[in-house]
């Protein structure tokens, strides 16, 4: 069995030494602050961009904050292809700042625009609020593409963990004609099933990891009501139709309870004729992409994801 990347182990040691409480022991507002504070220790210096600006999109419960990035060296007059990015955090924590580096890196590698979406969080806004905001933001970005300087014919969705779940949902909605067409979905260690039944939930002692079984239960209890666990909008692995979905990049990590459901999702896509690039990083843990100041593999993975994104965008021209 592959051993954990030493950079990941260093993160675990730092968390333990700091005395940071487990997320499941905190009220959601406190958990958000603790996660946000971790940026100082784990997020690399922010790379320069051609442009960064904050926006809002109209949503079903008020304005949805957005942040637009244009990759370094891109032409200000060019209509750039755009990745609509949904951050991770179990639908309870995370925001535009926690994933600032990730969005900048992807925009620079793919030479595209990235628009990050600050959707409503649980438990103040339970399922399907996050899904509704994700869809509203996607519609706004496509309908306002000319004003935003992006190309409405080259739109991708992507995100990590909970954001990967939201991205998978958008791909299904877009295929069905309920939301604007997308050409690519980037699913980074996505949550796709709410049953917690896969072998990867049971094959390790997860108590020392940030995404423990207790943390997953905490997130899902805050996000879902009992009847929601099998709703395909919560668990896209339960969807009935996988044909005709957008091309996909799916990344999973070996030290992640969600690993098997991400792999099962990639297999379902492939079995239904969807072009899939699947990357399995056996020595990485869930959440490593936002730990790039210490975990060197984070940039490697983001460069792969950005290259796949660029290939999808520029293959379509």
C-alpha atoms as a PDB file:
ATOM      1  CA  UNK A   1       0.000   0.000   0.000  1.00  0.00           C
ATOM      2  CA  UNK A   2       1.341   3.444  -0.944  1.00  0.00           C
ATOM      3  CA  UNK A   3       2.548   5.515   1.980  1.00  0.00           C
ATOM      4  CA  UNK A   4       1.316   9.068   2.515  1.00  0.00           C
ATOM      5  CA  UNK A   5       3.311  11.813   0.800  1.00  0.00           C
ATOM      6  CA  UNK A   6       5.691  13.305   3.447  1.00  0.00           C
ATOM      7  CA  UNK A   7       4.403  16.787   2.583  1.00  0.00           C
ATOM      8  CA  UNK A   8       0.904  15.650   3.537  1.00  0.00           C
ATOM      9  CA  UNK A   9       2.244  14.143   6.747  1.00  0.00           C
ATOM     10  CA  UNK A  10       3.884  17.465   7.563  1.00  0.00           C
ATOM     11  CA  UNK A  11       0.477  19.146   7.237  1.00  0.00           C
ATOM     12  CA  UNK A  12      -1.053  16.600   9.608  1.00  0.00           C
ATOM     13  CA  UNK A  13       1.773  17.162  12.084  1.00  0.00           C
ATOM     14  CA  UNK A  14       1.314  20.944  11.916  1.00  0.00           C
ATOM     15  CA  UNK A  15      -2.433  20.650  12.487  1.00  0.00           C
ATOM     16  CA  UNK A  16      -1.856  18.383  15.476  1.00  0.00           C
ATOM     17  CA  UNK A  17       0.834  20.651  16.950  1.00  0.00           C
ATOM     18  CA  UNK A  18      -1.368  23.722  16.536  1.00  0.00           C
ATOM     19  CA  UNK A  19      -4.154  22.156  18.570  1.00  0.00           C
ATOM     20  CA  UNK A  20      -6.663  22.990  15.847  1.00  0.00           C
ATOM     21  CA  UNK A  21      -9.971  21.410  16.843  1.00  0.00           C
ATOM     22  CA  UNK A  22     -11.668  18.945  14.508  1.00  0.00           C
ATOM     23  CA  UNK A  23     -14.230  20.599  12.262  1.00  0.00           C
ATOM     24  CA  UNK A  24     -16.993  18.371  13.621  1.00  0.00           C
ATOM     25  CA  UNK A  25     -16.476  19.862  17.091  1.00  0.00           C
ATOM     26  CA  UNK A  26     -17.151  23.431  15.936  1.00  0.00           C
ATOM     27  CA  UNK A  27     -20.265  25.421  15.160  1.00  0.00           C
ATOM     28  CA  UNK A  28     -20.356  26.258  11.425  1.00  0.00           C
ATOM     29  CA  UNK A  29     -19.376  29.950  11.836  1.00  0.00           C
ATOM     30  CA  UNK A  30     -16.343  28.904  13.900  1.00  0.00           C
ATOM     31  CA  UNK A  31     -15.451  26.151  11.422  1.00  0.00           C
ATOM     32  CA  UNK A  32     -15.469  28.701   8.602  1.00  0.00           C
ATOM     33  CA  UNK A  33     -13.115  30.995  10.504  1.00  0.00           C
ATOM     34  CA  UNK A  34     -10.702  28.158  11.302  1.00  0.00           C
ATOM     35  CA  UNK A  35     -10.668  27.027   7.656  1.00  0.00           C
ATOM     36  CA  UNK A  36     -10.183  30.590   6.428  1.00  0.00           C
ATOM     37  CA  UNK A  37      -7.361  31.189   8.896  1.00  0.00           C
ATOM     38  CA  UNK A  38      -5.516  28.166   7.516  1.00  0.00           C
ATOM     39  CA  UNK A  39      -4.766  30.125   4.340  1.00  0.00           C
ATOM     40  CA  UNK A  40      -1.869  31.885   6.099  1.00  0.00           C
ATOM     41  CA  UNK A  41      -0.108  28.573   6.650  1.00  0.00           C
ATOM     42  CA  UNK A  42      -1.117  26.527   3.636  1.00  0.00           C
ATOM     43  CA  UNK A  43      -1.807  28.820   0.638  1.00  0.00           C
ATOM     44  CA  UNK A  44       1.199  29.828  -1.497  1.00  0.00           C
ATOM     45  CA  UNK A  45       1.909  33.425  -2.428  1.00  0.00           C
ATOM     46  CA  UNK A  46      -0.742  34.536  -4.900  1.00  0.00           C
ATOM     47  CA  UNK A  47       0.437  34.668  -8.528  1.00  0.00           C
ATOM     48  CA  UNK A  48      -0.047  37.786 -10.623  1.00  0.00           C
ATOM     49  CA  UNK A  49      -3.038  37.895 -12.956  1.00  0.00           C
ATOM     50  CA  UNK A  50      -4.075  39.980 -15.937  1.00  0.00           C
ATOM     51  CA  UNK A  51      -7.191  40.945 -13.967  1.00  0.00           C
ATOM     52  CA  UNK A  52      -9.016  40.070 -10.762  1.00  0.00           C
ATOM     53  CA  UNK A  53     -12.339  41.658  -9.868  1.00  0.00           C
ATOM     54  CA  UNK A  54     -15.347  40.888  -7.717  1.00  0.00           C
ATOM     55  CA  UNK A  55     -18.850  40.708  -9.186  1.00  0.00           C
ATOM     56  CA  UNK A  56     -22.320  39.623  -8.166  1.00  0.00           C
ATOM     57  CA  UNK A  57     -24.896  37.486  -9.936  1.00  0.00           C
ATOM     58  CA  UNK A  58     -28.606  37.582  -9.166  1.00  0.00           C
ATOM     59  CA  UNK A  59     -29.667  34.459  -7.319  1.00  0.00           C
ATOM     60  CA  UNK A  60     -32.862  32.911  -5.987  1.00  0.00           C
ATOM     61  CA  UNK A  61     -32.237  34.381  -2.516  1.00  0.00           C
ATOM     62  CA  UNK A  62     -30.298  37.534  -3.378  1.00  0.00           C
ATOM     63  CA  UNK A  63     -26.962  38.401  -4.904  1.00  0.00           C
ATOM     64  CA  UNK A  64     -24.332  35.658  -5.291  1.00  0.00           C
ATOM     65  CA  UNK A  65     -20.740  36.942  -4.927  1.00  0.00           C
ATOM     66  CA  UNK A  66     -18.412  36.027  -7.784  1.00  0.00           C
ATOM     67  CA  UNK A  67     -14.730  36.624  -8.466  1.00  0.00           C
ATOM     68  CA  UNK A  68     -13.411  36.868 -12.024  1.00  0.00           C
ATOM     69  CA  UNK A  69      -9.801  36.036 -12.901  1.00  0.00           C
ATOM     70  CA  UNK A  70      -8.121  36.491 -16.277  1.00  0.00           C
ATOM     71  CA  UNK A  71      -4.944  34.497 -16.848  1.00  0.00           C
ATOM     72  CA  UNK A  72      -1.641  36.339 -16.936  1.00  0.00           C
ATOM     73  CA  UNK A  73      -0.597  37.412 -20.421  1.00  0.00           C
ATOM     74  CA  UNK A  74      -4.082  37.194 -21.915  1.00  0.00           C
ATOM     75  CA  UNK A  75      -5.345  40.010 -24.122  1.00  0.00           C
ATOM     76  CA  UNK A  76      -7.784  42.344 -22.375  1.00  0.00           C
ATOM     77  CA  UNK A  77      -9.845  42.555 -25.570  1.00  0.00           C
ATOM     78  CA  UNK A  78     -10.043  38.774 -26.077  1.00  0.00           C
ATOM     79  CA  UNK A  79     -13.195  36.819 -25.268  1.00  0.00           C
ATOM     80  CA  UNK A  80     -11.604  34.138 -23.114  1.00  0.00           C
ATOM     81  CA  UNK A  81     -12.948  30.652 -22.520  1.00  0.00           C
ATOM     82  CA  UNK A  82     -14.217  30.439 -18.957  1.00  0.00           C
ATOM     83  CA  UNK A  83     -14.184  27.951 -16.107  1.00  0.00           C
ATOM     84  CA  UNK A  84     -17.044  28.436 -13.636  1.00  0.00           C
ATOM     85  CA  UNK A  85     -15.459  27.275 -10.367  1.00  0.00           C
ATOM     86  CA  UNK A  86     -17.273  26.005  -7.264  1.00  0.00           C
ATOM     87  CA  UNK A  87     -15.182  25.729  -4.089  1.00  0.00           C
ATOM     88  CA  UNK A  88     -15.101  22.777  -1.736  1.00  0.00           C
ATOM     89  CA  UNK A  89     -15.815  22.728   1.976  1.00  0.00           C
ATOM     90  CA  UNK A  90     -18.608  20.229   2.554  1.00  0.00           C
ATOM     91  CA  UNK A  91     -21.289  22.814   1.640  1.00  0.00           C
ATOM     92  CA  UNK A  92     -20.647  24.350   5.079  1.00  0.00           C
ATOM     93  CA  UNK A  93     -17.236  26.066   4.911  1.00  0.00           C
ATOM     94  CA  UNK A  94     -15.062  27.664   2.212  1.00  0.00           C
ATOM     95  CA  UNK A  95     -15.353  30.881   0.232  1.00  0.00           C
ATOM     96  CA  UNK A  96     -13.749  32.913  -2.545  1.00  0.00           C
ATOM     97  CA  UNK A  97     -10.599  33.529  -0.503  1.00  0.00           C
ATOM     98  CA  UNK A  98      -9.962  29.920   0.564  1.00  0.00           C
ATOM     99  CA  UNK A  99      -9.641  28.903  -3.097  1.00  0.00           C
ATOM    100  CA  UNK A 100      -8.057  32.092  -4.431  1.00  0.00           C
ATOM    101  CA  UNK A 101      -4.728  30.444  -5.276  1.00  0.00           C
ATOM    102  CA  UNK A 102      -6.395  27.452  -6.967  1.00  0.00           C
ATOM    103  CA  UNK A 103      -8.434  29.711  -9.258  1.00  0.00           C
ATOM    104  CA  UNK A 104      -5.434  31.886 -10.130  1.00  0.00           C
ATOM    105  CA  UNK A 105      -3.297  28.866 -10.933  1.00  0.00           C
ATOM    106  CA  UNK A 106      -5.922  27.297 -13.195  1.00  0.00           C
ATOM    107  CA  UNK A 107      -6.513  30.575 -15.066  1.00  0.00           C
ATOM    108  CA  UNK A 108      -2.797  31.063 -15.643  1.00  0.00           C
ATOM    109  CA  UNK A 109      -2.093  27.479 -16.729  1.00  0.00           C
ATOM    110  CA  UNK A 110      -5.094  27.291 -19.078  1.00  0.00           C
ATOM    111  CA  UNK A 111      -4.773  30.922 -20.254  1.00  0.00           C
ATOM    112  CA  UNK A 112      -8.472  31.353 -19.633  1.00  0.00           C
ATOM    113  CA  UNK A 113     -10.885  33.173 -17.370  1.00  0.00           C
ATOM    114  CA  UNK A 114     -12.053  31.615 -14.131  1.00  0.00           C
ATOM    115  CA  UNK A 115     -15.146  32.861 -12.335  1.00  0.00           C
ATOM    116  CA  UNK A 116     -15.464  31.556  -8.782  1.00  0.00           C
ATOM    117  CA  UNK A 117     -18.898  31.287  -7.184  1.00  0.00           C
ATOM    118  CA  UNK A 118     -19.592  31.994  -3.495  1.00  0.00           C
ATOM    119  CA  UNK A 119     -22.787  29.942  -3.194  1.00  0.00           C
ATOM    120  CA  UNK A 120     -24.933  29.848  -0.050  1.00  0.00           C
ATOM    121  CA  UNK A 121     -23.720  27.559   2.736  1.00  0.00           C
ATOM    122  CA  UNK A 122     -25.454  25.166   5.106  1.00  0.00           C
ATOM    123  CA  UNK A 123     -26.933  24.861   7.662  1.00  0.00           C
ATOM    124  CA  UNK A 124     -28.297  28.376   7.215  1.00  0.00           C
ATOM    125  CA  UNK A 125     -29.170  27.373   3.637  1.00  0.00           C
ATOM    126  CA  UNK A 126     -29.754  23.665   3.275  1.00  0.00           C
ATOM    127  CA  UNK A 127     -29.940  21.571   0.101  1.00  0.00           C
ATOM    128  CA  UNK A 128     -30.739  22.459  -2.653  1.00  0.00           C
ATOM    129  CA  UNK A 129     -29.653  26.079  -2.035  1.00  0.00           C
ATOM    130  CA  UNK A 130     -26.053  25.462  -3.150  1.00  0.00           C
ATOM    131  CA  UNK A 131     -27.256  23.713  -6.316  1.00  0.00           C
ATOM    132  CA  UNK A 132     -29.666  26.544  -7.094  1.00  0.00           C
ATOM    133  CA  UNK A 133     -26.955  29.180  -6.653  1.00  0.00           C
ATOM    134  CA  UNK A 134     -24.502  27.175  -8.755  1.00  0.00           C
ATOM    135  CA  UNK A 135     -27.030  27.051 -11.585  1.00  0.00           C
ATOM    136  CA  UNK A 136     -28.009  30.727 -11.262  1.00  0.00           C
ATOM    137  CA  UNK A 137     -24.358  31.783 -11.435  1.00  0.00           C
ATOM    138  CA  UNK A 138     -23.768  29.625 -14.516  1.00  0.00           C
ATOM    139  CA  UNK A 139     -26.793  31.163 -16.256  1.00  0.00           C
ATOM    140  CA  UNK A 140     -25.659  34.689 -15.399  1.00  0.00           C
ATOM    141  CA  UNK A 141     -22.127  34.109 -16.662  1.00  0.00           C
ATOM    142  CA  UNK A 142     -23.331  32.738 -19.993  1.00  0.00           C
ATOM    143  CA  UNK A 143     -26.033  35.347 -20.577  1.00  0.00           C
ATOM    144  CA  UNK A 144     -23.659  38.181 -19.599  1.00  0.00           C
ATOM    145  CA  UNK A 145     -20.627  36.688 -21.339  1.00  0.00           C
ATOM    146  CA  UNK A 146     -20.074  39.653 -23.664  1.00  0.00           C
ATOM    147  CA  UNK A 147     -20.017  42.087 -20.728  1.00  0.00           C
ATOM    148  CA  UNK A 148     -17.716  39.807 -18.734  1.00  0.00           C
ATOM    149  CA  UNK A 149     -15.259  39.349 -21.598  1.00  0.00           C
ATOM    150  CA  UNK A 150     -15.760  35.591 -21.853  1.00  0.00           C
ATOM    151  CA  UNK A 151     -16.770  33.246 -24.659  1.00  0.00           C
ATOM    152  CA  UNK A 152     -20.251  31.799 -24.131  1.00  0.00           C
ATOM    153  CA  UNK A 153     -19.451  28.915 -26.499  1.00  0.00           C
ATOM    154  CA  UNK A 154     -16.471  27.715 -24.424  1.00  0.00           C
ATOM    155  CA  UNK A 155     -17.735  27.275 -20.875  1.00  0.00           C
ATOM    156  CA  UNK A 156     -16.509  24.659 -18.397  1.00  0.00           C
ATOM    157  CA  UNK A 157     -17.509  23.907 -14.828  1.00  0.00           C
ATOM    158  CA  UNK A 158     -15.215  22.632 -12.121  1.00  0.00           C
ATOM    159  CA  UNK A 159     -14.520  22.413  -8.438  1.00  0.00           C
ATOM    160  CA  UNK A 160     -13.062  20.397  -5.607  1.00  0.00           C
ATOM    161  CA  UNK A 161     -14.940  18.069  -3.243  1.00  0.00           C
ATOM    162  CA  UNK A 162     -18.398  19.638  -2.722  1.00  0.00           C
ATOM    163  CA  UNK A 163     -17.578  21.897  -5.664  1.00  0.00           C
ATOM    164  CA  UNK A 164     -16.951  18.811  -7.784  1.00  0.00           C
ATOM    165  CA  UNK A 165     -20.395  17.577  -6.798  1.00  0.00           C
ATOM    166  CA  UNK A 166     -21.973  20.889  -7.874  1.00  0.00           C
ATOM    167  CA  UNK A 167     -20.022  20.768 -11.147  1.00  0.00           C
ATOM    168  CA  UNK A 168     -21.256  17.260 -11.906  1.00  0.00           C
ATOM    169  CA  UNK A 169     -24.799  18.477 -11.324  1.00  0.00           C
ATOM    170  CA  UNK A 170     -24.309  21.379 -13.732  1.00  0.00           C
ATOM    171  CA  UNK A 171     -23.100  18.953 -16.402  1.00  0.00           C
ATOM    172  CA  UNK A 172     -26.293  16.911 -16.049  1.00  0.00           C
ATOM    173  CA  UNK A 173     -28.495  20.024 -16.127  1.00  0.00           C
ATOM    174  CA  UNK A 174     -26.649  21.355 -19.183  1.00  0.00           C
ATOM    175  CA  UNK A 175     -27.001  18.042 -21.030  1.00  0.00           C
ATOM    176  CA  UNK A 176     -30.732  18.070 -20.335  1.00  0.00           C
ATOM    177  CA  UNK A 177     -31.104  21.637 -21.623  1.00  0.00           C
ATOM    178  CA  UNK A 178     -32.089  23.006 -18.206  1.00  0.00           C
ATOM    179  CA  UNK A 179     -28.907  25.114 -18.007  1.00  0.00           C
ATOM    180  CA  UNK A 180     -26.572  26.559 -20.652  1.00  0.00           C
ATOM    181  CA  UNK A 181     -24.345  24.210 -22.619  1.00  0.00           C
ATOM    182  CA  UNK A 182     -20.901  23.414 -21.221  1.00  0.00           C
ATOM    183  CA  UNK A 183     -18.018  21.677 -22.975  1.00  0.00           C
ATOM    184  CA  UNK A 184     -16.024  20.332 -20.018  1.00  0.00           C
ATOM    185  CA  UNK A 185     -16.357  19.308 -16.365  1.00  0.00           C
ATOM    186  CA  UNK A 186     -13.381  19.305 -13.984  1.00  0.00           C
ATOM    187  CA  UNK A 187     -14.096  17.152 -10.917  1.00  0.00           C
ATOM    188  CA  UNK A 188     -11.363  17.322  -8.272  1.00  0.00           C
ATOM    189  CA  UNK A 189     -11.754  14.598  -5.623  1.00  0.00           C
ATOM    190  CA  UNK A 190     -15.533  15.025  -5.986  1.00  0.00           C
ATOM    191  CA  UNK A 191     -18.238  13.848  -3.647  1.00  0.00           C
ATOM    192  CA  UNK A 192     -20.742  11.994  -5.822  1.00  0.00           C
ATOM    193  CA  UNK A 193     -22.627   9.719  -3.417  1.00  0.00           C
ATOM    194  CA  UNK A 194     -24.095  10.439   0.010  1.00  0.00           C
ATOM    195  CA  UNK A 195     -24.406   6.820   1.192  1.00  0.00           C
ATOM    196  CA  UNK A 196     -20.872   6.589   2.685  1.00  0.00           C
ATOM    197  CA  UNK A 197     -20.911   2.930   1.612  1.00  0.00           C
ATOM    198  CA  UNK A 198     -17.791   2.638  -0.564  1.00  0.00           C
ATOM    199  CA  UNK A 199     -14.770   0.655   0.582  1.00  0.00           C
ATOM    200  CA  UNK A 200     -12.616   3.797   0.803  1.00  0.00           C
ATOM    201  CA  UNK A 201     -14.658   4.886   3.836  1.00  0.00           C
ATOM    202  CA  UNK A 202     -13.572   1.725   5.634  1.00  0.00           C
ATOM    203  CA  UNK A 203     -10.039   0.979   4.453  1.00  0.00           C
ATOM    204  CA  UNK A 204      -8.204   3.367   6.818  1.00  0.00           C
ATOM    205  CA  UNK A 205      -8.519   4.945  10.233  1.00  0.00           C
ATOM    206  CA  UNK A 206      -9.588   8.428   9.141  1.00  0.00           C
ATOM    207  CA  UNK A 207      -9.584  10.076  12.582  1.00  0.00           C
ATOM    208  CA  UNK A 208      -6.234  11.842  12.097  1.00  0.00           C
ATOM    209  CA  UNK A 209      -7.213  13.345   8.729  1.00  0.00           C
ATOM    210  CA  UNK A 210      -8.999  16.675   8.191  1.00  0.00           C
ATOM    211  CA  UNK A 211     -11.745  14.860   6.259  1.00  0.00           C
ATOM    212  CA  UNK A 212     -12.616  12.255   8.874  1.00  0.00           C
ATOM    213  CA  UNK A 213     -15.777  10.168   8.863  1.00  0.00           C
ATOM    214  CA  UNK A 214     -17.066  12.408  11.651  1.00  0.00           C
ATOM    215  CA  UNK A 215     -16.390  15.485   9.488  1.00  0.00           C
ATOM    216  CA  UNK A 216     -18.289  13.989   6.552  1.00  0.00           C
ATOM    217  CA  UNK A 217     -21.278  13.199   8.774  1.00  0.00           C
ATOM    218  CA  UNK A 218     -21.112  16.748  10.163  1.00  0.00           C
ATOM    219  CA  UNK A 219     -21.173  18.263   6.675  1.00  0.00           C
ATOM    220  CA  UNK A 220     -23.943  16.021   5.359  1.00  0.00           C
ATOM    221  CA  UNK A 221     -26.138  16.463   8.438  1.00  0.00           C
ATOM    222  CA  UNK A 222     -25.891  20.230   8.077  1.00  0.00           C
ATOM    223  CA  UNK A 223     -26.502  20.141   4.312  1.00  0.00           C
ATOM    224  CA  UNK A 224     -29.162  17.482   3.836  1.00  0.00           C
ATOM    225  CA  UNK A 225     -32.510  16.428   5.226  1.00  0.00           C
ATOM    226  CA  UNK A 226     -33.171  12.690   5.513  1.00  0.00           C
ATOM    227  CA  UNK A 227     -35.083  12.467   2.231  1.00  0.00           C
ATOM    228  CA  UNK A 228     -32.300  14.227   0.282  1.00  0.00           C
ATOM    229  CA  UNK A 229     -29.550  11.595   0.492  1.00  0.00           C
ATOM    230  CA  UNK A 230     -30.601   9.746  -2.666  1.00  0.00           C
ATOM    231  CA  UNK A 231     -31.644  12.818  -4.671  1.00  0.00           C
ATOM    232  CA  UNK A 232     -29.377  12.878  -7.773  1.00  0.00           C
ATOM    233  CA  UNK A 233     -28.839  16.606  -7.215  1.00  0.00           C
ATOM    234  CA  UNK A 234     -27.170  15.661  -3.924  1.00  0.00           C
ATOM    235  CA  UNK A 235     -25.674  12.369  -5.129  1.00  0.00           C
ATOM    236  CA  UNK A 236     -25.008  12.602  -8.888  1.00  0.00           C
ATOM    237  CA  UNK A 237     -23.748   9.009  -8.908  1.00  0.00           C
ATOM    238  CA  UNK A 238     -27.456   8.121  -8.519  1.00  0.00           C
ATOM    239  CA  UNK A 239     -28.410   9.854 -11.790  1.00  0.00           C
ATOM    240  CA  UNK A 240     -30.188   7.615 -14.282  1.00  0.00           C
ATOM    241  CA  UNK A 241     -28.579   8.891 -17.489  1.00  0.00           C
ATOM    242  CA  UNK A 242     -24.859   9.481 -18.069  1.00  0.00           C
ATOM    243  CA  UNK A 243     -24.917   9.633 -21.854  1.00  0.00           C
ATOM    244  CA  UNK A 244     -24.102  12.866 -23.645  1.00  0.00           C
ATOM    245  CA  UNK A 245     -22.420  14.567 -20.707  1.00  0.00           C
ATOM    246  CA  UNK A 246     -19.507  16.948 -21.237  1.00  0.00           C
ATOM    247  CA  UNK A 247     -15.946  15.629 -21.418  1.00  0.00           C
ATOM    248  CA  UNK A 248     -14.416  15.242 -17.967  1.00  0.00           C
ATOM    249  CA  UNK A 249     -11.223  15.458 -15.965  1.00  0.00           C
ATOM    250  CA  UNK A 250     -11.588  13.500 -12.712  1.00  0.00           C
ATOM    251  CA  UNK A 251      -8.907  13.512 -10.021  1.00  0.00           C
ATOM    252  CA  UNK A 252      -8.958  11.347  -6.900  1.00  0.00           C
ATOM    253  CA  UNK A 253      -6.559  10.855  -3.994  1.00  0.00           C
ATOM    254  CA  UNK A 254      -5.593   7.626  -2.269  1.00  0.00           C
ATOM    255  CA  UNK A 255      -5.872   9.044   1.249  1.00  0.00           C
ATOM    256  CA  UNK A 256      -9.461  10.192   0.865  1.00  0.00           C
ATOM    257  CA  UNK A 257     -12.718   8.580   2.004  1.00  0.00           C
ATOM    258  CA  UNK A 258     -14.287   9.923  -1.219  1.00  0.00           C
ATOM    259  CA  UNK A 259     -11.766   8.156  -3.494  1.00  0.00           C
ATOM    260  CA  UNK A 260     -13.969   5.244  -4.542  1.00  0.00           C
ATOM    261  CA  UNK A 261     -17.061   7.302  -5.340  1.00  0.00           C
ATOM    262  CA  UNK A 262     -14.950   9.593  -7.528  1.00  0.00           C
ATOM    263  CA  UNK A 263     -13.551   6.554  -9.334  1.00  0.00           C
ATOM    264  CA  UNK A 264     -17.016   5.024  -9.719  1.00  0.00           C
ATOM    265  CA  UNK A 265     -18.240   8.276 -11.217  1.00  0.00           C
ATOM    266  CA  UNK A 266     -15.389   8.360 -13.730  1.00  0.00           C
ATOM    267  CA  UNK A 267     -16.124   4.733 -14.688  1.00  0.00           C
ATOM    268  CA  UNK A 268     -19.814   5.529 -15.208  1.00  0.00           C
ATOM    269  CA  UNK A 269     -18.927   8.449 -17.450  1.00  0.00           C
ATOM    270  CA  UNK A 270     -16.545   6.336 -19.514  1.00  0.00           C
ATOM    271  CA  UNK A 271     -19.007   3.445 -19.778  1.00  0.00           C
ATOM    272  CA  UNK A 272     -21.532   5.853 -21.276  1.00  0.00           C
ATOM    273  CA  UNK A 273     -19.235   7.188 -23.968  1.00  0.00           C
ATOM    274  CA  UNK A 274     -17.983  10.306 -22.202  1.00  0.00           C
ATOM    275  CA  UNK A 275     -14.339  11.179 -22.845  1.00  0.00           C
ATOM    276  CA  UNK A 276     -12.631  11.053 -19.415  1.00  0.00           C
ATOM    277  CA  UNK A 277      -9.139  11.872 -18.212  1.00  0.00           C
ATOM    278  CA  UNK A 278      -8.788  10.106 -14.870  1.00  0.00           C
ATOM    279  CA  UNK A 279      -5.894  10.876 -12.504  1.00  0.00           C
ATOM    280  CA  UNK A 280      -5.359   8.934  -9.268  1.00  0.00           C
ATOM    281  CA  UNK A 281      -2.728  10.333  -6.892  1.00  0.00           C
ATOM    282  CA  UNK A 282      -2.244   7.432  -4.507  1.00  0.00           C
ATOM    283  CA  UNK A 283      -0.123   9.240  -1.894  1.00  0.00           C
ATOM    284  CA  UNK A 284      -2.230  12.408  -1.529  1.00  0.00           C
ATOM    285  CA  UNK A 285      -5.026  13.189   0.917  1.00  0.00           C
ATOM    286  CA  UNK A 286      -8.348  14.915   0.463  1.00  0.00           C
ATOM    287  CA  UNK A 287      -7.942  18.686   0.325  1.00  0.00           C
ATOM    288  CA  UNK A 288      -4.296  18.710  -0.782  1.00  0.00           C
ATOM    289  CA  UNK A 289      -4.935  21.134  -3.658  1.00  0.00           C
ATOM    290  CA  UNK A 290      -5.416  24.014  -1.207  1.00  0.00           C
ATOM    291  CA  UNK A 291      -2.255  23.140   0.739  1.00  0.00           C
ATOM    292  CA  UNK A 292       0.257  24.143  -1.941  1.00  0.00           C
ATOM    293  CA  UNK A 293       2.541  26.136   0.335  1.00  0.00           C
ATOM    294  CA  UNK A 294       3.607  22.827   1.909  1.00  0.00           C
ATOM    295  CA  UNK A 295       2.318  20.108  -0.438  1.00  0.00           C
ATOM    296  CA  UNK A 296       4.360  20.360  -3.626  1.00  0.00           C
ATOM    297  CA  UNK A 297       2.119  17.886  -5.459  1.00  0.00           C
ATOM    298  CA  UNK A 298      -0.707  20.445  -5.369  1.00  0.00           C
ATOM    299  CA  UNK A 299       0.865  22.471  -8.161  1.00  0.00           C
ATOM    300  CA  UNK A 300       1.563  19.302 -10.157  1.00  0.00           C
ATOM    301  CA  UNK A 301      -2.103  18.342  -9.969  1.00  0.00           C
ATOM    302  CA  UNK A 302      -3.332  21.852 -10.786  1.00  0.00           C
ATOM    303  CA  UNK A 303      -1.021  22.003 -13.783  1.00  0.00           C
ATOM    304  CA  UNK A 304      -2.479  18.712 -15.046  1.00  0.00           C
ATOM    305  CA  UNK A 305      -6.022  19.961 -14.505  1.00  0.00           C
ATOM    306  CA  UNK A 306      -5.199  23.282 -16.180  1.00  0.00           C
ATOM    307  CA  UNK A 307      -3.623  21.518 -19.152  1.00  0.00           C
ATOM    308  CA  UNK A 308      -6.719  19.326 -19.561  1.00  0.00           C
ATOM    309  CA  UNK A 309      -8.864  22.441 -19.354  1.00  0.00           C
ATOM    310  CA  UNK A 310      -6.799  24.224 -22.009  1.00  0.00           C
ATOM    311  CA  UNK A 311      -7.000  21.171 -24.268  1.00  0.00           C
ATOM    312  CA  UNK A 312     -10.785  21.140 -23.981  1.00  0.00           C
ATOM    313  CA  UNK A 313     -11.075  24.873 -24.638  1.00  0.00           C
ATOM    314  CA  UNK A 314      -8.727  25.120 -27.550  1.00  0.00           C
ATOM    315  CA  UNK A 315      -9.736  21.819 -29.132  1.00  0.00           C
ATOM    316  CA  UNK A 316     -13.199  23.348 -29.522  1.00  0.00           C
ATOM    317  CA  UNK A 317     -12.024  26.371 -31.536  1.00  0.00           C
END
